[in-house]
Amino acid sequence: MTVSNELDARFRAAAAEQGLLDVAYDLVDSPLGTLLVAASDAGLCRISYDPEPEREVARLGRTLGARILRSPKPVDEARRQLDEYFEQRRHAFDLDVDLRLTAQFSRRVLEELAKVPYGETTTYGELAARAARPRAARAVGTVMNRNPIPIVLPCHRVVGASGSLVGYGGGLDRKEALLRLEGAVL
């Protein structure tokens, strides 16, 4: 049996509207390539650069619940704000984020990371100090590498102690592109 595109779209929208999904996601075009953007009832839970989105969908299913479906409407606001960011019309995101699976230290680091202003950078050591763990720069690096919501939680704004671009889960080329977009001094 073949289902029409219209019926499929209505089914996906209805599942999301009725709260039947643990996670809704969609693929979003960006200047950095296609992003998988996912949201739970609590907020934005994932932005992924993975070129094989099925892997990320499987990870989300294992961690946040099996009721996961590609449904664009729940990620529309995140998509809109990302589009504005890439068009340089947005300098801060106003989205709820779902970090419930994030360990306490990681959550603290990500909360401090969210305070780093558009167009500015900080170091791993400075971020560790802001998170009340001044000797945990390497641990902060691990948190940045595992950041579930890059761009919105701007791990691209974290640089090495010398100001050099080091490490980025999406690749150094994307990190540099994001910093250039923001007009950050490299």
C-alpha atoms as a PDB file:
ATOM      1  CA  MET A   1       0.000   0.000   0.000  1.00  0.00           C
ATOM      2  CA  THR A   2       1.326   3.410  -0.961  1.00  0.00           C
ATOM      3  CA  VAL A   3       0.593   6.432   1.195  1.00  0.00           C
ATOM      4  CA  SER A   4       0.379   9.844  -0.437  1.00  0.00           C
ATOM      5  CA  ASN A   5       2.842  12.539   0.580  1.00  0.00           C
ATOM      6  CA  GLU A   6      -0.045  14.629   1.875  1.00  0.00           C
ATOM      7  CA  LEU A   7      -1.368  11.843   4.111  1.00  0.00           C
ATOM      8  CA  ASP A   8       2.150  11.091   5.360  1.00  0.00           C
ATOM      9  CA  ALA A   9       2.708  14.763   6.243  1.00  0.00           C
ATOM     10  CA  ARG A  10      -0.664  14.935   8.038  1.00  0.00           C
ATOM     11  CA  PHE A  11       0.175  11.776  10.025  1.00  0.00           C
ATOM     12  CA  ARG A  12       3.545  13.180  11.127  1.00  0.00           C
ATOM     13  CA  ALA A  13       2.051  16.538  12.087  1.00  0.00           C
ATOM     14  CA  ALA A  14      -0.789  14.883  14.032  1.00  0.00           C
ATOM     15  CA  ALA A  15       1.622  12.623  15.932  1.00  0.00           C
ATOM     16  CA  ALA A  16       3.627  15.654  17.026  1.00  0.00           C
ATOM     17  CA  GLU A  17       0.571  17.801  17.851  1.00  0.00           C
ATOM     18  CA  GLN A  18      -0.949  15.059  19.995  1.00  0.00           C
ATOM     19  CA  GLY A  19       2.254  14.571  22.000  1.00  0.00           C
ATOM     20  CA  LEU A  20       2.803  11.040  20.729  1.00  0.00           C
ATOM     21  CA  LEU A  21       6.522  11.540  20.021  1.00  0.00           C
ATOM     22  CA  ASP A  22       9.515  11.330  22.317  1.00  0.00           C
ATOM     23  CA  VAL A  23      11.551  13.211  19.719  1.00  0.00           C
ATOM     24  CA  ALA A  24      10.662  14.986  16.493  1.00  0.00           C
ATOM     25  CA  TYR A  25      13.385  15.835  14.016  1.00  0.00           C
ATOM     26  CA  ASP A  26      13.975  17.234  10.592  1.00  0.00           C
ATOM     27  CA  LEU A  27      16.878  17.849   8.253  1.00  0.00           C
ATOM     28  CA  VAL A  28      17.742  21.512   7.915  1.00  0.00           C
ATOM     29  CA  ASP A  29      19.835  22.992   5.115  1.00  0.00           C
ATOM     30  CA  SER A  30      22.537  25.389   6.258  1.00  0.00           C
ATOM     31  CA  PRO A  31      25.705  26.976   4.859  1.00  0.00           C
ATOM     32  CA  LEU A  32      27.583  24.298   6.830  1.00  0.00           C
ATOM     33  CA  GLY A  33      25.718  21.428   5.200  1.00  0.00           C
ATOM     34  CA  THR A  34      22.615  19.543   6.227  1.00  0.00           C
ATOM     35  CA  LEU A  35      21.921  19.547   9.961  1.00  0.00           C
ATOM     36  CA  LEU A  36      19.746  17.087  11.825  1.00  0.00           C
ATOM     37  CA  VAL A  37      17.718  19.195  14.268  1.00  0.00           C
ATOM     38  CA  ALA A  38      15.718  17.387  16.943  1.00  0.00           C
ATOM     39  CA  ALA A  39      13.348  18.479  19.689  1.00  0.00           C
ATOM     40  CA  SER A  40      11.640  16.791  22.610  1.00  0.00           C
ATOM     41  CA  ASP A  41       8.747  18.157  24.660  1.00  0.00           C
ATOM     42  CA  ALA A  42      11.363  19.879  26.856  1.00  0.00           C
ATOM     43  CA  GLY A  43      13.086  21.679  23.988  1.00  0.00           C
ATOM     44  CA  LEU A  44      15.812  21.439  21.404  1.00  0.00           C
ATOM     45  CA  CYS A  45      17.791  18.286  22.178  1.00  0.00           C
ATOM     46  CA  ARG A  46      20.142  17.768  19.244  1.00  0.00           C
ATOM     47  CA  ILE A  47      21.847  19.422  16.325  1.00  0.00           C
ATOM     48  CA  SER A  48      24.045  17.021  14.414  1.00  0.00           C
ATOM     49  CA  TYR A  49      26.452  17.415  11.520  1.00  0.00           C
ATOM     50  CA  ASP A  50      26.534  13.633  10.965  1.00  0.00           C
ATOM     51  CA  PRO A  51      26.388  13.011   7.197  1.00  0.00           C
ATOM     52  CA  GLU A  52      24.395   9.858   7.927  1.00  0.00           C
ATOM     53  CA  PRO A  53      21.419  11.163   9.941  1.00  0.00           C
ATOM     54  CA  GLU A  54      20.079   7.644  10.488  1.00  0.00           C
ATOM     55  CA  ARG A  55      22.909   7.075  12.991  1.00  0.00           C
ATOM     56  CA  GLU A  56      21.823  10.085  15.012  1.00  0.00           C
ATOM     57  CA  VAL A  57      18.170   9.042  14.828  1.00  0.00           C
ATOM     58  CA  ALA A  58      19.150   5.625  16.218  1.00  0.00           C
ATOM     59  CA  ARG A  59      21.154   7.278  19.061  1.00  0.00           C
ATOM     60  CA  LEU A  60      18.221   9.528  19.912  1.00  0.00           C
ATOM     61  CA  GLY A  61      15.896   6.528  19.961  1.00  0.00           C
ATOM     62  CA  ARG A  62      18.191   4.695  22.383  1.00  0.00           C
ATOM     63  CA  THR A  63      18.576   7.643  24.740  1.00  0.00           C
ATOM     64  CA  LEU A  64      15.332   9.636  24.601  1.00  0.00           C
ATOM     65  CA  GLY A  65      12.727   7.071  23.627  1.00  0.00           C
ATOM     66  CA  ALA A  66      11.682   4.923  20.725  1.00  0.00           C
ATOM     67  CA  ARG A  67       8.867   7.189  19.572  1.00  0.00           C
ATOM     68  CA  ILE A  68      10.963   9.239  17.172  1.00  0.00           C
ATOM     69  CA  LEU A  69       9.702  10.530  13.866  1.00  0.00           C
ATOM     70  CA  ARG A  70      10.705  13.002  11.221  1.00  0.00           C
ATOM     71  CA  SER A  71       8.161  15.751  11.758  1.00  0.00           C
ATOM     72  CA  PRO A  72       9.125  19.282  10.689  1.00  0.00           C
ATOM     73  CA  LYS A  73       6.658  21.362  12.720  1.00  0.00           C
ATOM     74  CA  PRO A  74       8.235  20.834  16.180  1.00  0.00           C
ATOM     75  CA  VAL A  75      11.603  22.065  14.880  1.00  0.00           C
ATOM     76  CA  ASP A  76      10.231  25.009  12.880  1.00  0.00           C
ATOM     77  CA  GLU A  77      11.211  27.596  15.506  1.00  0.00           C
ATOM     78  CA  ALA A  78      14.751  26.238  15.764  1.00  0.00           C
ATOM     79  CA  ARG A  79      14.977  26.202  11.959  1.00  0.00           C
ATOM     80  CA  ARG A  80      13.778  29.813  11.780  1.00  0.00           C
ATOM     81  CA  GLN A  81      16.299  30.971  14.376  1.00  0.00           C
ATOM     82  CA  LEU A  82      19.134  29.044  12.731  1.00  0.00           C
ATOM     83  CA  ASP A  83      18.243  30.622   9.378  1.00  0.00           C
ATOM     84  CA  GLU A  84      18.313  34.078  10.996  1.00  0.00           C
ATOM     85  CA  TYR A  85      21.662  33.286  12.609  1.00  0.00           C
ATOM     86  CA  PHE A  86      23.202  32.204   9.305  1.00  0.00           C
ATOM     87  CA  GLU A  87      21.780  35.352   7.666  1.00  0.00           C
ATOM     88  CA  GLN A  88      23.484  37.388  10.444  1.00  0.00           C
ATOM     89  CA  ARG A  89      20.131  38.699  11.672  1.00  0.00           C
ATOM     90  CA  ARG A  90      20.250  36.807  14.996  1.00  0.00           C
ATOM     91  CA  HIS A  91      23.015  37.046  17.572  1.00  0.00           C
ATOM     92  CA  ALA A  92      21.364  35.089  20.378  1.00  0.00           C
ATOM     93  CA  PHE A  93      19.057  32.094  20.367  1.00  0.00           C
ATOM     94  CA  ASP A  94      15.807  32.079  22.302  1.00  0.00           C
ATOM     95  CA  LEU A  95      15.038  28.368  22.459  1.00  0.00           C
ATOM     96  CA  ASP A  96      14.335  25.957  25.277  1.00  0.00           C
ATOM     97  CA  VAL A  97      17.000  23.264  25.365  1.00  0.00           C
ATOM     98  CA  ASP A  98      16.690  19.747  26.700  1.00  0.00           C
ATOM     99  CA  LEU A  99      19.865  18.766  28.567  1.00  0.00           C
ATOM    100  CA  ARG A 100      18.255  16.216  30.897  1.00  0.00           C
ATOM    101  CA  LEU A 101      20.642  13.455  29.847  1.00  0.00           C
ATOM    102  CA  THR A 102      23.673  15.647  30.428  1.00  0.00           C
ATOM    103  CA  ALA A 103      25.744  15.056  33.575  1.00  0.00           C
ATOM    104  CA  GLN A 104      25.828  17.819  36.185  1.00  0.00           C
ATOM    105  CA  PHE A 105      29.339  19.094  35.364  1.00  0.00           C
ATOM    106  CA  SER A 106      28.627  19.048  31.639  1.00  0.00           C
ATOM    107  CA  ARG A 107      25.349  20.892  32.137  1.00  0.00           C
ATOM    108  CA  ARG A 108      27.125  23.559  34.202  1.00  0.00           C
ATOM    109  CA  VAL A 109      29.776  23.992  31.501  1.00  0.00           C
ATOM    110  CA  LEU A 110      27.122  24.217  28.764  1.00  0.00           C
ATOM    111  CA  GLU A 111      25.168  26.785  30.786  1.00  0.00           C
ATOM    112  CA  GLU A 112      28.328  28.910  31.089  1.00  0.00           C
ATOM    113  CA  LEU A 113      29.067  28.358  27.405  1.00  0.00           C
ATOM    114  CA  ALA A 114      25.652  29.791  26.497  1.00  0.00           C
ATOM    115  CA  LYS A 115      26.755  33.089  28.076  1.00  0.00           C
ATOM    116  CA  VAL A 116      29.712  33.582  25.709  1.00  0.00           C
ATOM    117  CA  PRO A 117      28.610  36.498  23.498  1.00  0.00           C
ATOM    118  CA  TYR A 118      28.230  36.395  19.745  1.00  0.00           C
ATOM    119  CA  GLY A 119      31.467  37.282  17.995  1.00  0.00           C
ATOM    120  CA  GLU A 120      33.628  36.675  21.060  1.00  0.00           C
ATOM    121  CA  THR A 121      35.717  33.712  22.132  1.00  0.00           C
ATOM    122  CA  THR A 122      36.803  32.181  25.393  1.00  0.00           C
ATOM    123  CA  THR A 123      39.308  29.475  26.231  1.00  0.00           C
ATOM    124  CA  TYR A 124      38.786  26.028  27.663  1.00  0.00           C
ATOM    125  CA  GLY A 125      40.544  27.172  30.837  1.00  0.00           C
ATOM    126  CA  GLU A 126      38.387  30.280  31.203  1.00  0.00           C
ATOM    127  CA  LEU A 127      35.255  28.217  30.701  1.00  0.00           C
ATOM    128  CA  ALA A 128      36.459  25.710  33.292  1.00  0.00           C
ATOM    129  CA  ALA A 129      36.972  28.548  35.780  1.00  0.00           C
ATOM    130  CA  ARG A 130      33.475  29.916  35.069  1.00  0.00           C
ATOM    131  CA  ALA A 131      32.109  26.441  35.799  1.00  0.00           C
ATOM    132  CA  ALA A 132      33.919  26.498  39.186  1.00  0.00           C
ATOM    133  CA  ARG A 133      36.485  23.876  38.094  1.00  0.00           C
ATOM    134  CA  PRO A 134      39.559  25.963  37.145  1.00  0.00           C
ATOM    135  CA  ARG A 135      41.805  22.951  36.557  1.00  0.00           C
ATOM    136  CA  ALA A 136      39.337  21.091  34.372  1.00  0.00           C
ATOM    137  CA  ALA A 137      40.226  22.570  30.961  1.00  0.00           C
ATOM    138  CA  ARG A 138      40.623  19.106  29.408  1.00  0.00           C
ATOM    139  CA  ALA A 139      37.292  17.989  30.823  1.00  0.00           C
ATOM    140  CA  VAL A 140      35.737  21.112  29.320  1.00  0.00           C
ATOM    141  CA  GLY A 141      37.245  20.079  25.984  1.00  0.00           C
ATOM    142  CA  THR A 142      35.480  16.736  26.277  1.00  0.00           C
ATOM    143  CA  VAL A 143      32.183  18.482  27.052  1.00  0.00           C
ATOM    144  CA  MET A 144      32.650  20.729  24.001  1.00  0.00           C
ATOM    145  CA  ASN A 145      33.352  17.700  21.805  1.00  0.00           C
ATOM    146  CA  ARG A 146      30.154  16.037  23.016  1.00  0.00           C
ATOM    147  CA  ASN A 147      27.989  19.170  22.969  1.00  0.00           C
ATOM    148  CA  PRO A 148      24.562  17.904  21.861  1.00  0.00           C
ATOM    149  CA  ILE A 149      23.446  21.294  20.541  1.00  0.00           C
ATOM    150  CA  PRO A 150      26.303  22.988  18.690  1.00  0.00           C
ATOM    151  CA  ILE A 151      25.723  26.449  17.225  1.00  0.00           C
ATOM    152  CA  VAL A 152      22.917  27.186  19.712  1.00  0.00           C
ATOM    153  CA  LEU A 153      25.264  26.244  22.577  1.00  0.00           C
ATOM    154  CA  PRO A 154      28.249  27.888  20.858  1.00  0.00           C
ATOM    155  CA  CYS A 155      31.183  25.538  21.428  1.00  0.00           C
ATOM    156  CA  HIS A 156      32.736  27.041  18.281  1.00  0.00           C
ATOM    157  CA  ARG A 157      33.512  30.099  20.447  1.00  0.00           C
ATOM    158  CA  VAL A 158      35.938  28.120  22.609  1.00  0.00           C
ATOM    159  CA  VAL A 159      39.566  28.262  21.522  1.00  0.00           C
ATOM    160  CA  GLY A 160      42.909  27.081  22.848  1.00  0.00           C
ATOM    161  CA  ALA A 161      44.831  29.053  25.478  1.00  0.00           C
ATOM    162  CA  SER A 162      46.954  30.629  22.722  1.00  0.00           C
ATOM    163  CA  GLY A 163      43.860  31.642  20.765  1.00  0.00           C
ATOM    164  CA  SER A 164      44.335  28.854  18.232  1.00  0.00           C
ATOM    165  CA  LEU A 165      41.454  26.898  16.790  1.00  0.00           C
ATOM    166  CA  VAL A 166      41.569  23.455  18.326  1.00  0.00           C
ATOM    167  CA  GLY A 167      39.020  20.693  18.177  1.00  0.00           C
ATOM    168  CA  TYR A 168      35.434  20.910  17.053  1.00  0.00           C
ATOM    169  CA  GLY A 169      32.989  18.045  16.726  1.00  0.00           C
ATOM    170  CA  GLY A 170      31.841  19.384  13.355  1.00  0.00           C
ATOM    171  CA  GLY A 171      35.405  19.868  12.083  1.00  0.00           C
ATOM    172  CA  LEU A 172      37.735  22.839  12.266  1.00  0.00           C
ATOM    173  CA  ASP A 173      36.520  24.165   8.905  1.00  0.00           C
ATOM    174  CA  ARG A 174      33.015  24.587  10.337  1.00  0.00           C
ATOM    175  CA  LYS A 175      34.379  26.141  13.536  1.00  0.00           C
ATOM    176  CA  GLU A 176      36.307  28.686  11.509  1.00  0.00           C
ATOM    177  CA  ALA A 177      33.297  29.382   9.271  1.00  0.00           C
ATOM    178  CA  LEU A 178      31.067  30.035  12.311  1.00  0.00           C
ATOM    179  CA  LEU A 179      33.610  32.368  13.893  1.00  0.00           C
ATOM    180  CA  ARG A 180      34.062  34.246  10.611  1.00  0.00           C
ATOM    181  CA  LEU A 181      30.277  34.533  10.254  1.00  0.00           C
ATOM    182  CA  GLU A 182      30.197  36.164  13.681  1.00  0.00           C
ATOM    183  CA  GLY A 183      33.127  38.449  12.892  1.00  0.00           C
ATOM    184  CA  ALA A 184      35.241  37.011  15.686  1.00  0.00           C
ATOM    185  CA  VAL A 185      38.929  37.829  15.629  1.00  0.00           C
ATOM    186  CA  LEU A 186      40.840  34.694  14.658  1.00  0.00           C
END
